[in-house]
Amino acid sequence: MPYKGTGQAVTDLLAGHVDLMFAPAQTVMPYVREGRLKALAHHRLEALETLPDLPTVAESGLPGLRGGRLVRPARARSDAAGDRGEDSADANRVLAEREVREKMLGLGADPSGDTPEEFARFIRDDQAKWSKLMKEAGIAAPQ
């Protein structure tokens, strides 16, 4: 079911209008800690520091399903401002800071980054995977 934002989707999940959803950890972890939602799996390839017993999506029977990336509008900085890997290096440096890392872990988020090449590969693979799935299911991309 498509939603324009996570807030309404979580509200509907809590109310029982939808059965499950993929959601940002920092959005749903308070409800998981309260016992109002149950975390079923996470998208990373390795165990989470905050929930080491929570299985990965692959371990739960959906290998190859990954998600979650830190992104910004392409227009936020001109390519002329410097090396294309500069943003990635800046983000990874911030994600490694103790205070940022502790805050993100406390929210249930995974404070890890990747290189521009890894991100580009993730986007290519993700587009190919979802395009194939949509084609097989007869789902048209929105115009």
N, C-alpha and C. Protein backbone atom coordinates (compact mmCIF):
# COMPACT_ATOMS: atom_id res chain seq x y z
N MET A 1 0.86 -1.16 0.00
CA MET A 1 0.00 0.00 0.00
C MET A 1 0.91 1.23 0.00
N PRO A 2 0.76 2.11 -0.96
CA PRO A 2 1.63 3.30 -1.02
C PRO A 2 1.21 4.38 -0.02
N TYR A 3 2.17 4.98 0.60
CA TYR A 3 1.95 6.10 1.52
C TYR A 3 2.84 7.25 1.10
N LYS A 4 2.40 8.46 1.38
CA LYS A 4 3.22 9.63 1.07
C LYS A 4 4.26 9.89 2.14
N GLY A 5 4.14 9.22 3.27
CA GLY A 5 5.11 9.41 4.34
C GLY A 5 5.05 8.26 5.33
N THR A 6 6.10 8.12 6.09
CA THR A 6 6.20 7.03 7.05
C THR A 6 5.23 7.20 8.22
N GLY A 7 4.97 8.45 8.60
CA GLY A 7 4.12 8.70 9.77
C GLY A 7 2.75 8.04 9.67
N GLN A 8 2.07 8.26 8.56
CA GLN A 8 0.74 7.67 8.39
C GLN A 8 0.82 6.16 8.27
N ALA A 9 1.87 5.67 7.64
CA ALA A 9 2.04 4.22 7.50
C ALA A 9 2.20 3.57 8.88
N VAL A 10 3.02 4.18 9.74
CA VAL A 10 3.22 3.63 11.09
C VAL A 10 1.93 3.72 11.88
N THR A 11 1.21 4.82 11.74
CA THR A 11 -0.09 4.98 12.43
C THR A 11 -1.03 3.86 12.01
N ASP A 12 -1.10 3.57 10.71
CA ASP A 12 -1.97 2.50 10.23
C ASP A 12 -1.49 1.13 10.69
N LEU A 13 -0.18 0.94 10.77
CA LEU A 13 0.37 -0.32 11.27
C LEU A 13 -0.02 -0.52 12.73
N LEU A 14 0.15 0.52 13.54
CA LEU A 14 -0.20 0.44 14.96
C LEU A 14 -1.70 0.19 15.15
N ALA A 15 -2.52 0.75 14.25
CA ALA A 15 -3.97 0.59 14.35
C ALA A 15 -4.45 -0.73 13.77
N GLY A 16 -3.55 -1.49 13.13
CA GLY A 16 -3.95 -2.77 12.57
C GLY A 16 -4.54 -2.69 11.18
N HIS A 17 -4.41 -1.54 10.51
CA HIS A 17 -4.94 -1.39 9.16
C HIS A 17 -4.03 -2.03 8.11
N VAL A 18 -2.75 -2.18 8.42
CA VAL A 18 -1.81 -2.91 7.57
C VAL A 18 -1.08 -3.92 8.45
N ASP A 19 -0.63 -4.99 7.83
CA ASP A 19 -0.05 -6.10 8.60
C ASP A 19 1.44 -5.97 8.88
N LEU A 20 2.17 -5.35 7.96
CA LEU A 20 3.61 -5.18 8.16
C LEU A 20 4.12 -4.11 7.22
N MET A 21 5.32 -3.64 7.49
CA MET A 21 5.94 -2.63 6.63
C MET A 21 7.44 -2.63 6.84
N PHE A 22 8.14 -2.13 5.82
CA PHE A 22 9.55 -1.81 5.98
C PHE A 22 9.57 -0.37 6.48
N ALA A 23 10.31 -0.11 7.55
CA ALA A 23 10.31 1.22 8.13
C ALA A 23 11.70 1.58 8.64
N PRO A 24 12.01 2.87 8.65
CA PRO A 24 13.29 3.29 9.23
C PRO A 24 13.32 2.94 10.72
N ALA A 25 14.42 2.36 11.15
CA ALA A 25 14.53 1.92 12.54
C ALA A 25 14.24 3.05 13.52
N GLN A 26 14.78 4.24 13.24
CA GLN A 26 14.59 5.33 14.18
C GLN A 26 13.12 5.74 14.31
N THR A 27 12.30 5.39 13.34
CA THR A 27 10.87 5.71 13.40
C THR A 27 10.11 4.70 14.25
N VAL A 28 10.48 3.43 14.15
CA VAL A 28 9.68 2.40 14.80
C VAL A 28 10.28 1.84 16.10
N MET A 29 11.57 2.08 16.35
CA MET A 29 12.18 1.50 17.55
C MET A 29 11.50 1.88 18.85
N PRO A 30 11.02 3.12 19.01
CA PRO A 30 10.30 3.40 20.26
C PRO A 30 9.10 2.47 20.46
N TYR A 31 8.40 2.14 19.40
CA TYR A 31 7.24 1.24 19.49
C TYR A 31 7.68 -0.20 19.71
N VAL A 32 8.81 -0.58 19.15
CA VAL A 32 9.35 -1.93 19.38
C VAL A 32 9.73 -2.06 20.85
N ARG A 33 10.40 -1.04 21.39
CA ARG A 33 10.82 -1.08 22.81
C ARG A 33 9.61 -1.12 23.74
N GLU A 34 8.51 -0.44 23.35
CA GLU A 34 7.27 -0.44 24.16
C GLU A 34 6.51 -1.75 24.02
N GLY A 35 6.87 -2.57 23.05
CA GLY A 35 6.15 -3.81 22.81
C GLY A 35 4.92 -3.64 21.92
N ARG A 36 4.75 -2.47 21.33
CA ARG A 36 3.59 -2.23 20.46
C ARG A 36 3.82 -2.72 19.04
N LEU A 37 5.08 -2.85 18.64
CA LEU A 37 5.45 -3.42 17.35
C LEU A 37 6.51 -4.47 17.59
N LYS A 38 6.60 -5.42 16.67
CA LYS A 38 7.64 -6.45 16.76
C LYS A 38 8.54 -6.33 15.54
N ALA A 39 9.84 -6.19 15.78
CA ALA A 39 10.82 -6.17 14.70
C ALA A 39 10.98 -7.60 14.19
N LEU A 40 10.84 -7.78 12.87
CA LEU A 40 10.91 -9.11 12.28
C LEU A 40 12.27 -9.39 11.65
N ALA A 41 12.87 -8.39 11.03
CA ALA A 41 14.15 -8.57 10.35
C ALA A 41 14.71 -7.19 10.00
N HIS A 42 15.98 -7.16 9.64
CA HIS A 42 16.61 -5.91 9.21
C HIS A 42 17.29 -6.15 7.88
N HIS A 43 17.57 -5.07 7.16
CA HIS A 43 18.06 -5.15 5.79
C HIS A 43 19.57 -5.28 5.65
N ARG A 44 20.33 -5.08 6.70
CA ARG A 44 21.79 -5.13 6.57
C ARG A 44 22.24 -6.57 6.30
N LEU A 45 23.47 -6.71 5.84
CA LEU A 45 24.00 -8.04 5.55
C LEU A 45 24.57 -8.72 6.79
N GLU A 46 24.88 -7.92 7.81
CA GLU A 46 25.45 -8.47 9.03
C GLU A 46 24.59 -8.05 10.23
N ALA A 47 24.86 -8.66 11.40
CA ALA A 47 24.08 -8.38 12.60
C ALA A 47 24.15 -6.90 12.98
N LEU A 48 23.07 -6.41 13.57
CA LEU A 48 23.03 -5.04 14.07
C LEU A 48 23.60 -5.00 15.48
N GLU A 49 24.33 -3.96 15.80
CA GLU A 49 24.85 -3.80 17.16
C GLU A 49 23.72 -3.66 18.16
N THR A 50 22.67 -2.94 17.77
CA THR A 50 21.58 -2.65 18.70
C THR A 50 20.64 -3.82 18.91
N LEU A 51 20.51 -4.69 17.91
CA LEU A 51 19.61 -5.85 18.01
C LEU A 51 20.33 -7.08 17.44
N PRO A 52 21.33 -7.58 18.14
CA PRO A 52 22.15 -8.68 17.59
C PRO A 52 21.36 -9.96 17.32
N ASP A 53 20.23 -10.16 17.98
CA ASP A 53 19.44 -11.38 17.78
C ASP A 53 18.39 -11.24 16.68
N LEU A 54 18.23 -10.03 16.14
CA LEU A 54 17.26 -9.81 15.07
C LEU A 54 17.85 -10.34 13.76
N PRO A 55 17.14 -11.25 13.10
CA PRO A 55 17.71 -11.82 11.86
C PRO A 55 17.73 -10.80 10.72
N THR A 56 18.60 -11.06 9.77
CA THR A 56 18.60 -10.25 8.55
C THR A 56 17.43 -10.68 7.69
N VAL A 57 17.08 -9.86 6.71
CA VAL A 57 16.02 -10.21 5.77
C VAL A 57 16.42 -11.49 5.03
N ALA A 58 17.70 -11.59 4.66
CA ALA A 58 18.18 -12.79 3.96
C ALA A 58 18.00 -14.04 4.83
N GLU A 59 18.34 -13.93 6.11
CA GLU A 59 18.17 -15.06 7.03
C GLU A 59 16.70 -15.41 7.22
N SER A 60 15.83 -14.44 6.95
CA SER A 60 14.39 -14.65 7.08
C SER A 60 13.75 -15.18 5.80
N GLY A 61 14.56 -15.45 4.77
CA GLY A 61 14.03 -16.05 3.56
C GLY A 61 13.93 -15.15 2.35
N LEU A 62 14.44 -13.92 2.43
CA LEU A 62 14.40 -12.99 1.30
C LEU A 62 15.81 -12.53 0.96
N PRO A 63 16.65 -13.44 0.44
CA PRO A 63 18.03 -13.05 0.12
C PRO A 63 18.06 -11.98 -0.96
N GLY A 64 19.02 -11.08 -0.84
CA GLY A 64 19.19 -10.04 -1.85
C GLY A 64 18.40 -8.78 -1.59
N LEU A 65 17.53 -8.78 -0.61
CA LEU A 65 16.73 -7.59 -0.32
C LEU A 65 17.50 -6.72 0.65
N ARG A 66 17.89 -5.53 0.18
CA ARG A 66 18.61 -4.57 1.01
C ARG A 66 17.99 -3.21 0.82
N GLY A 67 18.27 -2.32 1.71
CA GLY A 67 17.76 -0.97 1.58
C GLY A 67 18.43 -0.05 2.55
N GLY A 68 17.97 1.18 2.58
CA GLY A 68 18.47 2.15 3.53
C GLY A 68 19.75 2.81 3.12
N ARG A 69 19.66 4.05 2.72
CA ARG A 69 20.83 4.83 2.34
C ARG A 69 20.62 6.28 2.75
N LEU A 70 21.70 6.93 3.08
CA LEU A 70 21.69 8.37 3.35
C LEU A 70 21.89 9.06 2.01
N VAL A 71 20.93 9.90 1.64
CA VAL A 71 21.02 10.60 0.36
C VAL A 71 20.72 12.08 0.56
N ARG A 72 21.06 12.88 -0.44
CA ARG A 72 20.76 14.30 -0.42
C ARG A 72 20.40 14.71 -1.83
N PRO A 73 19.74 15.85 -2.00
CA PRO A 73 19.43 16.30 -3.36
C PRO A 73 20.71 16.53 -4.15
N ALA A 74 20.71 16.13 -5.41
CA ALA A 74 21.90 16.30 -6.24
C ALA A 74 22.28 17.76 -6.37
N ARG A 75 21.31 18.65 -6.31
CA ARG A 75 21.59 20.07 -6.48
C ARG A 75 22.16 20.71 -5.21
N ALA A 76 22.29 19.96 -4.12
CA ALA A 76 22.76 20.54 -2.86
C ALA A 76 24.19 21.06 -2.95
N ARG A 77 24.98 20.50 -3.83
CA ARG A 77 26.36 20.95 -4.00
C ARG A 77 26.74 20.73 -5.45
N SER A 78 27.33 21.71 -6.04
CA SER A 78 27.77 21.60 -7.42
C SER A 78 28.91 20.61 -7.52
N ASP A 79 28.92 19.83 -8.61
CA ASP A 79 30.04 18.91 -8.83
C ASP A 79 31.35 19.68 -8.91
N ALA A 80 31.28 20.96 -9.26
CA ALA A 80 32.49 21.78 -9.35
C ALA A 80 33.09 22.05 -7.97
N ALA A 81 32.33 21.76 -6.92
CA ALA A 81 32.82 22.03 -5.56
C ALA A 81 33.93 21.08 -5.15
N GLY A 82 34.11 20.01 -5.87
CA GLY A 82 35.20 19.11 -5.49
C GLY A 82 34.96 17.70 -5.93
N ASP A 83 35.73 16.82 -5.39
CA ASP A 83 35.69 15.41 -5.71
C ASP A 83 34.33 14.82 -5.40
N ARG A 84 33.81 13.97 -6.28
CA ARG A 84 32.51 13.36 -6.08
C ARG A 84 32.49 12.46 -4.84
N GLY A 85 33.64 11.96 -4.42
CA GLY A 85 33.69 11.13 -3.22
C GLY A 85 33.75 11.94 -1.94
N GLU A 86 33.83 13.25 -2.07
CA GLU A 86 33.95 14.12 -0.91
C GLU A 86 32.73 14.01 0.01
N ASP A 87 31.53 14.00 -0.57
CA ASP A 87 30.32 13.89 0.24
C ASP A 87 30.30 12.58 1.02
N SER A 88 30.67 11.49 0.34
CA SER A 88 30.70 10.19 0.98
C SER A 88 31.71 10.17 2.12
N ALA A 89 32.87 10.70 1.88
CA ALA A 89 33.90 10.74 2.92
C ALA A 89 33.44 11.58 4.11
N ASP A 90 32.80 12.73 3.82
CA ASP A 90 32.27 13.58 4.89
C ASP A 90 31.22 12.83 5.70
N ALA A 91 30.29 12.18 5.01
CA ALA A 91 29.22 11.44 5.70
C ALA A 91 29.81 10.31 6.54
N ASN A 92 30.74 9.56 5.97
CA ASN A 92 31.35 8.45 6.72
C ASN A 92 32.12 8.95 7.94
N ARG A 93 32.77 10.11 7.80
CA ARG A 93 33.51 10.70 8.92
C ARG A 93 32.53 11.07 10.05
N VAL A 94 31.41 11.67 9.69
CA VAL A 94 30.41 12.05 10.69
C VAL A 94 29.81 10.81 11.33
N LEU A 95 29.49 9.79 10.51
CA LEU A 95 28.90 8.56 11.05
C LEU A 95 29.85 7.84 12.00
N ALA A 96 31.13 8.06 11.88
CA ALA A 96 32.12 7.42 12.76
C ALA A 96 32.32 8.18 14.06
N GLU A 97 31.83 9.42 14.16
CA GLU A 97 31.99 10.19 15.40
C GLU A 97 31.23 9.51 16.53
N ARG A 98 31.87 9.42 17.68
CA ARG A 98 31.30 8.70 18.82
C ARG A 98 29.89 9.17 19.16
N GLU A 99 29.70 10.48 19.26
CA GLU A 99 28.38 11.01 19.66
C GLU A 99 27.31 10.67 18.64
N VAL A 100 27.64 10.81 17.36
CA VAL A 100 26.68 10.51 16.30
C VAL A 100 26.37 9.02 16.30
N ARG A 101 27.42 8.22 16.39
CA ARG A 101 27.25 6.76 16.39
C ARG A 101 26.37 6.31 17.56
N GLU A 102 26.64 6.83 18.75
CA GLU A 102 25.85 6.44 19.93
C GLU A 102 24.40 6.87 19.79
N LYS A 103 24.17 8.08 19.28
CA LYS A 103 22.80 8.56 19.10
C LYS A 103 22.05 7.69 18.10
N MET A 104 22.70 7.40 16.97
CA MET A 104 22.04 6.57 15.96
C MET A 104 21.77 5.16 16.46
N LEU A 105 22.73 4.57 17.16
CA LEU A 105 22.52 3.24 17.72
C LEU A 105 21.38 3.26 18.73
N GLY A 106 21.31 4.32 19.53
CA GLY A 106 20.23 4.46 20.50
C GLY A 106 18.86 4.56 19.85
N LEU A 107 18.82 5.09 18.63
CA LEU A 107 17.56 5.17 17.89
C LEU A 107 17.25 3.90 17.12
N GLY A 108 18.19 2.95 17.15
CA GLY A 108 18.01 1.71 16.41
C GLY A 108 18.50 1.79 14.98
N ALA A 109 19.15 2.88 14.62
CA ALA A 109 19.66 3.06 13.26
C ALA A 109 21.06 2.46 13.14
N ASP A 110 21.46 2.19 11.92
CA ASP A 110 22.75 1.60 11.64
C ASP A 110 23.69 2.67 11.10
N PRO A 111 24.65 3.12 11.90
CA PRO A 111 25.54 4.21 11.46
C PRO A 111 26.72 3.74 10.63
N SER A 112 26.43 3.16 9.48
CA SER A 112 27.52 2.75 8.60
C SER A 112 27.34 3.41 7.25
N GLY A 113 28.44 3.63 6.57
CA GLY A 113 28.39 4.27 5.26
C GLY A 113 29.07 3.42 4.22
N ASP A 114 29.13 3.96 3.01
CA ASP A 114 29.81 3.25 1.95
C ASP A 114 30.47 4.25 1.01
N THR A 115 31.15 3.73 0.03
CA THR A 115 31.83 4.58 -0.93
C THR A 115 30.87 4.96 -2.06
N PRO A 116 31.20 5.99 -2.86
CA PRO A 116 30.34 6.32 -4.00
C PRO A 116 30.17 5.13 -4.96
N GLU A 117 31.21 4.34 -5.13
CA GLU A 117 31.13 3.17 -6.02
C GLU A 117 30.18 2.12 -5.44
N GLU A 118 30.26 1.89 -4.14
CA GLU A 118 29.35 0.92 -3.50
C GLU A 118 27.91 1.41 -3.60
N PHE A 119 27.71 2.70 -3.39
CA PHE A 119 26.37 3.27 -3.48
C PHE A 119 25.82 3.15 -4.90
N ALA A 120 26.65 3.47 -5.90
CA ALA A 120 26.22 3.37 -7.30
C ALA A 120 25.85 1.92 -7.64
N ARG A 121 26.64 0.96 -7.16
CA ARG A 121 26.35 -0.45 -7.40
C ARG A 121 25.03 -0.83 -6.73
N PHE A 122 24.82 -0.35 -5.49
CA PHE A 122 23.56 -0.62 -4.78
C PHE A 122 22.38 -0.10 -5.58
N ILE A 123 22.47 1.14 -6.09
CA ILE A 123 21.36 1.73 -6.85
C ILE A 123 21.11 0.94 -8.13
N ARG A 124 22.17 0.61 -8.88
CA ARG A 124 22.02 -0.18 -10.12
C ARG A 124 21.36 -1.52 -9.84
N ASP A 125 21.87 -2.22 -8.83
CA ASP A 125 21.32 -3.54 -8.50
C ASP A 125 19.88 -3.43 -8.02
N ASP A 126 19.60 -2.41 -7.22
CA ASP A 126 18.25 -2.22 -6.70
C ASP A 126 17.27 -1.91 -7.83
N GLN A 127 17.66 -1.03 -8.75
CA GLN A 127 16.79 -0.71 -9.89
C GLN A 127 16.52 -1.95 -10.73
N ALA A 128 17.54 -2.73 -10.99
CA ALA A 128 17.37 -3.94 -11.79
C ALA A 128 16.44 -4.92 -11.09
N LYS A 129 16.64 -5.12 -9.81
CA LYS A 129 15.83 -6.06 -9.04
C LYS A 129 14.37 -5.65 -9.04
N TRP A 130 14.10 -4.37 -8.69
CA TRP A 130 12.71 -3.93 -8.58
C TRP A 130 12.05 -3.79 -9.95
N SER A 131 12.81 -3.42 -10.97
CA SER A 131 12.25 -3.35 -12.33
C SER A 131 11.80 -4.72 -12.78
N LYS A 132 12.62 -5.73 -12.53
CA LYS A 132 12.28 -7.10 -12.89
C LYS A 132 11.03 -7.56 -12.13
N LEU A 133 10.99 -7.30 -10.85
CA LEU A 133 9.85 -7.69 -10.04
C LEU A 133 8.57 -7.00 -10.54
N MET A 134 8.66 -5.71 -10.83
CA MET A 134 7.49 -4.98 -11.31
C MET A 134 7.02 -5.53 -12.66
N LYS A 135 7.95 -5.82 -13.54
CA LYS A 135 7.60 -6.36 -14.85
C LYS A 135 6.91 -7.71 -14.70
N GLU A 136 7.48 -8.58 -13.86
CA GLU A 136 6.89 -9.90 -13.64
C GLU A 136 5.49 -9.82 -13.03
N ALA A 137 5.29 -8.80 -12.18
CA ALA A 137 3.99 -8.64 -11.52
C ALA A 137 3.01 -7.79 -12.33
N GLY A 138 3.47 -7.24 -13.46
CA GLY A 138 2.60 -6.42 -14.28
C GLY A 138 2.32 -5.05 -13.67
N ILE A 139 3.25 -4.54 -12.90
CA ILE A 139 3.09 -3.24 -12.26
C ILE A 139 3.76 -2.17 -13.11
N ALA A 140 3.02 -1.14 -13.46
CA ALA A 140 3.57 -0.05 -14.26
C ALA A 140 4.19 1.01 -13.33
N ALA A 141 5.32 1.53 -13.75
CA ALA A 141 5.96 2.61 -12.98
C ALA A 141 5.11 3.86 -13.08
N PRO A 142 5.01 4.64 -11.98
CA PRO A 142 4.23 5.88 -12.05
C PRO A 142 4.85 6.86 -13.03
N GLN A 143 4.01 7.60 -13.70
CA GLN A 143 4.48 8.57 -14.69
C GLN A 143 4.57 9.95 -14.07
